[in-house]
Protein backbone atom coordinates (compact mmCIF):
# COMPACT_ATOMS: atom_id res chain seq x y z
CA MET A 1 2.39 -67.94 -23.33
CA ALA A 2 3.09 -71.34 -21.73
CA GLN A 3 6.55 -70.21 -20.65
CA ALA A 4 5.16 -66.97 -19.15
CA PHE A 5 2.46 -68.93 -17.38
CA ARG A 6 5.06 -71.35 -15.96
CA GLU A 7 7.22 -68.46 -14.68
CA GLU A 8 4.24 -66.72 -13.09
CA LEU A 9 3.16 -69.94 -11.38
CA GLU A 10 6.64 -70.50 -10.00
CA ARG A 11 6.73 -66.96 -8.60
CA ARG A 12 3.26 -67.22 -7.03
CA LEU A 13 3.78 -70.73 -5.63
CA SER A 14 7.05 -69.73 -3.97
CA LYS A 15 5.01 -67.65 -1.48
CA THR A 16 2.69 -70.42 -0.33
CA SER A 17 3.28 -73.11 2.29
CA LYS A 18 3.04 -75.95 -0.26
CA SER A 19 5.19 -74.35 -2.89
CA GLU A 20 7.75 -77.16 -3.16
CA ASP A 21 5.23 -79.98 -3.75
CA LEU A 22 3.08 -77.98 -6.16
CA LYS A 23 6.12 -76.78 -8.06
CA GLN A 24 7.27 -80.37 -8.54
CA VAL A 25 3.86 -81.35 -9.89
CA LEU A 26 3.86 -78.29 -12.15
CA VAL A 27 7.23 -79.14 -13.61
CA GLU A 28 6.22 -82.73 -14.35
CA ALA A 29 2.77 -81.87 -15.77
CA PRO A 30 2.50 -80.86 -19.43
CA VAL A 31 0.99 -77.42 -20.18
CA THR A 32 -1.25 -76.77 -23.15
CA GLU A 33 -2.86 -73.56 -24.30
CA VAL A 34 -6.62 -73.28 -24.31
CA SER A 35 -8.42 -70.83 -26.56
CA THR A 36 -11.07 -68.35 -25.43
CA GLU A 37 -13.80 -70.21 -27.34
CA ALA A 38 -12.99 -73.45 -25.51
CA LEU A 39 -13.11 -71.62 -22.20
CA ALA A 40 -16.49 -70.08 -23.06
CA GLU A 41 -17.93 -73.49 -24.08
CA ALA A 42 -16.73 -75.21 -20.91
CA PRO A 43 -19.56 -76.20 -18.50
CA THR A 44 -19.91 -74.03 -15.42
CA GLU A 45 -22.32 -76.09 -13.32
CA VAL A 46 -21.00 -77.84 -10.24
CA THR A 47 -22.52 -81.30 -9.65
CA ALA A 48 -23.64 -82.47 -6.27
CA GLU A 49 -21.14 -85.33 -6.39
CA ALA A 50 -17.82 -84.73 -4.69
CA PRO A 51 -15.28 -84.52 -7.53
CA ASN A 52 -11.77 -85.74 -7.37
CA VAL A 53 -9.62 -82.68 -6.67
CA SER A 54 -6.65 -82.82 -8.97
CA VAL A 55 -3.47 -80.78 -8.85
CA SER A 56 -4.76 -78.47 -11.56
CA THR A 57 -7.98 -77.83 -9.60
CA ALA A 58 -5.96 -76.97 -6.51
CA LEU A 59 -3.83 -74.62 -8.56
CA SER A 60 -6.94 -72.94 -9.96
CA LEU A 61 -8.46 -72.45 -6.52
CA ASN A 62 -5.16 -71.20 -5.18
CA PHE A 63 -4.87 -68.61 -7.96
CA SER A 64 -8.50 -67.54 -7.43
CA ALA A 65 -7.77 -66.95 -3.73
CA ARG A 66 -4.59 -65.03 -4.62
CA GLU A 67 -6.55 -62.91 -7.08
CA THR A 68 -9.12 -62.06 -4.42
CA GLU A 69 -6.31 -61.14 -2.01
CA VAL A 70 -4.61 -58.93 -4.60
CA GLU A 71 -7.88 -57.16 -5.41
CA ALA A 72 -8.71 -56.69 -1.72
CA LEU A 73 -5.26 -55.29 -0.87
CA ALA A 74 -4.91 -53.16 -4.00
CA PRO A 75 -4.54 -49.45 -3.10
CA ARG A 76 -6.97 -46.93 -4.52
CA SER A 77 -4.25 -45.39 -6.68
CA LEU A 78 -4.14 -48.65 -8.70
CA LEU A 79 -7.86 -48.68 -9.39
CA SER A 80 -8.72 -47.74 -12.94
CA PRO A 81 -12.11 -46.00 -12.39
CA ILE A 82 -11.82 -42.76 -10.44
CA ALA A 83 -14.49 -40.41 -9.18
CA GLY A 84 -16.07 -38.39 -11.92
CA SER A 85 -14.75 -40.54 -14.79
CA GLY A 86 -18.22 -41.90 -15.55
CA SER A 87 -17.02 -45.54 -15.89
CA SER A 88 -19.15 -48.29 -14.37
CA SER A 89 -17.74 -50.49 -11.60
CA SER A 90 -19.63 -53.54 -12.82
CA SER A 91 -18.43 -53.53 -16.43
CA SER A 92 -15.69 -56.15 -15.81
CA PRO A 93 -14.77 -58.44 -12.91
CA ARG A 94 -11.15 -57.16 -13.02
CA THR A 95 -11.89 -53.44 -13.50
CA PHE A 96 -10.38 -52.42 -10.16
CA VAL A 97 -7.00 -54.13 -10.69
CA SER A 98 -4.08 -52.38 -12.39
CA GLN A 99 -3.21 -53.18 -16.00
CA GLY A 100 -0.16 -55.31 -15.16
CA SER A 101 -1.98 -57.31 -12.50
CA ARG A 102 -4.95 -57.86 -14.83
CA ARG A 103 -2.68 -59.22 -17.57
CA THR A 104 -0.96 -61.54 -15.08
CA LEU A 105 -4.25 -62.80 -13.72
CA ASP A 106 -5.57 -63.40 -17.24
CA VAL A 107 -2.48 -65.47 -18.04
CA ALA A 108 -2.86 -67.39 -14.80
CA ARG A 109 -6.52 -68.10 -15.49
CA THR A 110 -5.85 -69.25 -19.04
CA GLY A 111 -3.04 -71.52 -17.89
CA SER A 112 -5.01 -72.92 -14.98
CA THR A 113 -7.94 -73.59 -17.28
CA GLY A 114 -5.61 -75.50 -19.58
CA LEU A 115 -4.35 -77.60 -16.70
CA LEU A 116 -7.91 -78.27 -15.63
CA GLY A 117 -8.77 -79.36 -19.15
CA LEU A 118 -6.06 -81.98 -18.94
CA GLY A 119 -7.44 -83.32 -15.68
CA HIS A 120 -11.05 -84.10 -14.83
CA GLY A 121 -12.79 -81.84 -17.35
CA GLY A 122 -15.95 -79.99 -16.35
CA HIS A 123 -15.60 -80.32 -12.59
CA GLY A 124 -12.31 -78.39 -12.45
CA VAL A 125 -13.50 -75.68 -14.83
CA GLY A 126 -16.76 -75.26 -12.87
CA SER A 127 -14.91 -74.88 -9.59
CA ALA A 128 -12.52 -72.28 -11.04
CA SER A 129 -15.39 -70.40 -12.68
CA LEU A 130 -17.38 -70.35 -9.44
CA ALA A 131 -14.41 -69.08 -7.44
CA SER A 132 -13.66 -66.47 -10.11
CA ARG A 133 -17.26 -65.26 -10.12
CA SER A 134 -17.29 -65.01 -6.32
CA SER A 135 -14.02 -63.07 -6.34
CA ALA A 136 -15.22 -60.78 -9.13
CA GLY A 137 -18.51 -60.14 -7.31
CA SER A 138 -16.74 -59.16 -4.08
CA ALA A 139 -14.28 -56.95 -5.97
CA SER A 140 -17.14 -55.33 -7.91
CA THR A 141 -19.06 -54.62 -4.68
CA TRP A 142 -15.95 -53.23 -3.05
CA GLY A 143 -15.21 -51.03 -6.06
CA ARG A 144 -18.81 -49.84 -6.21
CA GLN A 145 -18.65 -48.86 -2.55
CA LEU A 146 -15.43 -46.95 -3.16
CA LEU A 147 -16.98 -45.22 -6.15
CA GLU A 148 -20.08 -44.29 -4.16
CA ALA A 149 -17.87 -42.94 -1.36
CA ASP A 150 -15.94 -40.87 -3.91
CA VAL A 151 -19.20 -39.60 -5.39
CA ARG A 152 -20.47 -38.63 -1.94
CA SER A 153 -17.19 -36.89 -1.19
CA LEU A 154 -17.31 -35.00 -4.48
CA ARG A 155 -20.93 -34.02 -3.86
CA ALA A 156 -19.99 -32.71 -0.41
CA GLN A 157 -17.11 -30.76 -1.94
CA LEU A 158 -19.47 -29.40 -4.59
CA GLN A 159 -21.94 -28.28 -1.94
CA GLU A 160 -19.12 -26.64 0.01
CA GLU A 161 -17.92 -24.86 -3.12
CA ARG A 162 -21.46 -23.70 -3.89
CA ALA A 163 -21.88 -22.42 -0.34
CA ARG A 164 -18.51 -20.70 -0.58
CA SER A 165 -19.51 -19.18 -3.92
CA SER A 166 -22.76 -17.96 -2.37
CA ARG A 167 -20.86 -16.40 0.53
CA LEU A 168 -18.39 -14.76 -1.83
CA ALA A 169 -21.26 -13.45 -3.97
CA ALA A 170 -22.95 -12.00 -0.87
CA GLU A 171 -19.67 -10.43 0.26
CA LEU A 172 -19.13 -9.03 -3.22
CA HIS A 173 -22.65 -7.57 -3.25
CA HIS A 174 -22.09 -6.02 0.18
CA ALA A 175 -18.72 -4.62 -0.91
CA GLN A 176 -20.28 -3.15 -4.05
CA ALA A 177 -23.01 -1.54 -1.94
CA ASN A 178 -20.34 -0.05 0.35
CA VAL A 179 -18.40 1.20 -2.65
CA GLN A 180 -21.51 2.86 -4.07
CA LYS A 181 -22.27 4.41 -0.68
CA LEU A 182 -18.72 5.74 -0.35
CA GLN A 183 -18.86 7.01 -3.93
CA GLY A 184 -22.06 8.89 -3.11
CA GLN A 185 -20.44 10.40 -0.02
CA LEU A 186 -17.42 11.44 -2.08
CA ASP A 187 -19.69 13.08 -4.66
CA LEU A 188 -21.54 14.98 -1.91
CA GLN A 189 -18.24 16.06 -0.36
CA ARG A 190 -16.99 17.23 -3.75
CA GLU A 191 -20.17 19.23 -4.36
CA ARG A 192 -19.90 20.72 -0.88
CA ASP A 193 -16.29 21.75 -1.49
CA GLU A 194 -17.26 23.33 -4.81
CA LEU A 195 -20.12 25.26 -3.16
CA LEU A 196 -17.79 26.45 -0.41
CA GLN A 197 -15.26 27.61 -2.99
CA ASP A 198 -17.96 29.46 -4.92
CA LEU A 199 -19.22 31.09 -1.72
CA ASP A 200 -15.71 32.12 -0.73
CA SER A 201 -15.13 33.63 -4.15
CA SER A 202 -18.45 35.48 -3.95
CA LEU A 203 -17.57 36.82 -0.50
CA ARG A 204 -14.18 38.03 -1.69
CA GLU A 205 -15.75 39.71 -4.70
CA MET A 206 -18.40 41.29 -2.50
CA LYS A 207 -15.80 42.52 -0.05
CA THR A 208 -13.71 43.93 -2.86
CA SER A 209 -16.76 45.62 -4.34
CA GLN A 210 -17.75 47.07 -0.98
CA THR A 211 -14.23 48.35 -0.44
CA SER A 212 -14.27 50.02 -3.85
CA GLU A 213 -17.66 51.57 -3.16
CA GLN A 214 -16.50 52.77 0.22
CA LYS A 215 -13.43 54.32 -1.33
CA GLU A 216 -15.54 56.05 -3.94
CA ALA A 217 -17.95 57.25 -1.28
CA MET A 218 -15.09 58.55 0.84
CA LYS A 219 -13.65 60.37 -2.15
CA GLU A 220 -17.01 61.92 -2.90
CA THR A 221 -17.48 62.88 0.75
CA LYS A 222 -14.06 64.47 0.91
CA ALA A 223 -14.69 66.37 -2.28
CA GLN A 224 -18.05 67.55 -0.98
CA GLU A 225 -16.55 68.60 2.34
CA LYS A 226 -13.82 70.43 0.48
CA GLN A 227 -16.37 72.25 -1.62
CA GLU A 228 -18.44 73.11 1.41
CA LYS A 229 -15.36 74.37 3.22
CA LYS A 230 -14.38 76.42 0.21
CA ALA A 231 -17.86 77.92 0.02
CA LEU A 232 -17.79 78.67 3.74
CA MET A 233 -14.42 80.36 3.42
CA ALA A 234 -15.74 82.44 0.57
CA GLU A 235 -18.75 83.44 2.65
CA LEU A 236 -16.52 84.36 5.57
CA ALA A 237 -14.30 86.39 3.30
CA LYS A 238 -17.33 88.21 1.98
CA ILE A 239 -18.56 88.91 5.49
CA GLU A 240 -15.13 90.20 6.52
CA LYS A 241 -15.04 92.42 3.49
CA MET A 242 -18.46 93.90 4.31
CA ARG A 243 -17.40 94.45 7.91
CA ALA A 244 -14.24 96.18 6.77
CA GLU A 245 -16.24 98.46 4.49
CA ARG A 246 -18.64 99.35 7.33
CA GLU A 247 -15.75 100.03 9.65
CA LYS A 248 -14.22 102.26 7.03
CA ASP A 249 -17.47 104.19 6.59
CA ARG A 250 -17.88 104.57 10.34
CA LEU A 251 -14.36 105.90 10.73
CA GLN A 252 -14.90 108.28 7.88
CA LYS A 253 -18.15 109.60 9.39
CA LEU A 254 -16.48 109.86 12.78
CA LYS A 255 -13.71 111.87 11.21
CA GLN A 256 -16.24 114.12 9.56
CA ALA A 257 -18.06 114.52 12.85
CA LYS A 258 -14.87 115.49 14.61
CA GLY A 259 -14.18 118.07 11.95
CA LYS A 260 -17.62 119.57 12.39
CA SER A 261 -17.29 119.64 16.17
CA LYS A 262 -14.02 121.40 15.86
CA GLY A 263 -15.62 124.01 13.63
CA LYS A 264 -18.46 124.48 16.06
CA ARG A 265 -16.09 124.98 18.90
CA SER A 266 -14.29 127.59 16.91
CA ALA A 267 -17.59 129.26 16.14
CA ALA A 268 -18.62 129.11 19.76
CA GLU A 269 -15.50 130.74 20.76
CA ALA A 270 -16.27 133.34 18.18
CA GLY A 271 -19.88 133.68 19.53
CA LEU A 272 -21.64 131.97 16.66
CA PRO A 273 -24.55 129.50 17.27
CA THR A 274 -23.77 125.75 16.73
CA LYS A 275 -25.77 122.63 16.12
CA GLU A 276 -24.73 119.19 17.43
CA PRO A 277 -24.09 116.73 14.59
CA GLU A 278 -25.90 113.40 14.74
CA ILE A 279 -23.61 110.42 14.77
CA ARG A 280 -25.19 107.11 13.80
CA ASP A 281 -23.56 103.83 14.00
CA ILE A 282 -23.92 101.86 10.85
CA ASP A 283 -23.71 98.62 12.73
């Protein structure tokens, strides 16, 4: 851990304006590991007296400032809590730093605490703890604000989705009403077509029936006319026969009358009296 802490310090101090002097002090100063229990038992109060600022205290303050800068410049993609995850932003001072940065900062804090323990004791630890708490508080506030912004954004999206769902439900209800209306119109049209087909069939049947009846009536009329004509012809034949018989009788009577007149003329010539025969027309 001491070697990792030394490498991390060299990398961080190379970016500062006093990297060469601090690096020289770091190389010459011995590094010891400090346990978590010793760190927890270290005093955190800062006395009113102006303490002597040692190299280890300067390193601690420098790392606290670097930590605050890293947390302030960290992109949102590196933040562990995201909207809707349900995690609290105030659970840990380093919640909003990525896993690798958090491990590096923990190593730096442990190492800086060890250096402070070698120096002036409680004053260095109190200064580092105060700076760390200030940095953690600002990071926690910043993370909470980001989380609240994400929550507000998600709530706005939820409201938009609910409004969209309501609009879609209304459109669906309207479409279903139109479908039912069109279905009713189709049913009425189908019934109308069926009624028209039935009426057309009835008219055809009626026309066919009327045609058959007319044909039958015409046949009966023709037969009746034929019978009447036949009866009339028979009556005419009978009348002609009676007329012929009367004509025959008239001719026969006329012939008889002529014979009688001839006999009378012969008798008159002989001086015998005669009597005129009466000729009657049968007609």
